[in-house]
Amino acid sequence: MFKSLNRIRAAFAQSAKRRRTTRALNELPPEIRKDIGWPDSVQNNEIRLPF
């Protein structure tokens, strides 16, 4: 049971980190986003949590 809870906690932590990173990249100026290859609109076909 604790292994399952640890996996869920880790999934939430990873999801939060991904959201912070995405938010930070989206706040960059358009020229820098273009230079690093970050798309203007991120496709939302990614599964957020693995459960």
Protein backbone atom coordinates (compact mmCIF):
# COMPACT_ATOMS: atom_id res chain seq x y z
CA MET A 1 0.00 0.00 0.00
CA PHE A 2 2.81 2.45 0.86
CA LYS A 3 4.51 1.76 -2.46
CA SER A 4 1.36 2.80 -4.28
CA LEU A 5 1.07 5.97 -2.21
CA ASN A 6 4.72 6.81 -2.86
CA ARG A 7 4.20 6.36 -6.60
CA ILE A 8 1.15 8.64 -6.51
CA ARG A 9 3.07 11.26 -4.50
CA ALA A 10 5.99 11.06 -6.93
CA ALA A 11 3.61 11.45 -9.89
CA PHE A 12 2.08 14.57 -8.34
CA ALA A 13 5.52 16.01 -7.62
CA GLN A 14 6.68 15.35 -11.18
CA SER A 15 3.49 16.88 -12.57
CA ALA A 16 3.95 20.02 -10.46
CA LYS A 17 7.57 20.34 -11.58
CA ARG A 18 6.50 19.96 -15.24
CA ARG A 19 3.84 22.68 -14.82
CA ARG A 20 6.37 25.07 -13.24
CA THR A 21 8.85 24.46 -16.03
CA THR A 22 6.22 24.90 -18.73
CA ARG A 23 4.99 28.10 -17.11
CA ALA A 24 8.53 29.49 -16.89
CA LEU A 25 9.23 28.69 -20.54
CA ASN A 26 5.94 30.22 -21.66
CA GLU A 27 6.83 33.45 -19.84
CA LEU A 28 10.01 33.91 -21.90
CA PRO A 29 9.97 36.43 -24.75
CA PRO A 30 8.88 34.99 -28.13
CA GLU A 31 12.36 35.46 -29.62
CA ILE A 32 14.02 33.31 -26.96
CA ARG A 33 11.30 30.64 -27.16
CA LYS A 34 11.87 30.48 -30.92
CA ASP A 35 15.65 30.20 -30.43
CA ILE A 36 15.35 27.24 -28.06
CA GLY A 37 12.64 25.57 -30.17
CA TRP A 38 9.78 25.96 -27.70
CA PRO A 39 6.48 25.93 -29.65
CA ASP A 40 4.08 28.86 -29.51
CA SER A 41 1.20 26.61 -28.53
CA VAL A 42 1.90 23.47 -26.55
CA GLN A 43 -0.25 20.57 -27.66
CA ASN A 44 -2.36 19.24 -24.84
CA ASN A 45 -2.28 15.57 -25.81
CA GLU A 46 0.04 14.65 -22.95
CA ILE A 47 -1.33 12.58 -20.11
CA ARG A 48 -0.77 14.63 -16.98
CA LEU A 49 -0.73 11.86 -14.37
CA PRO A 50 0.02 8.15 -14.84
CA PHE A 51 -3.08 6.94 -13.01
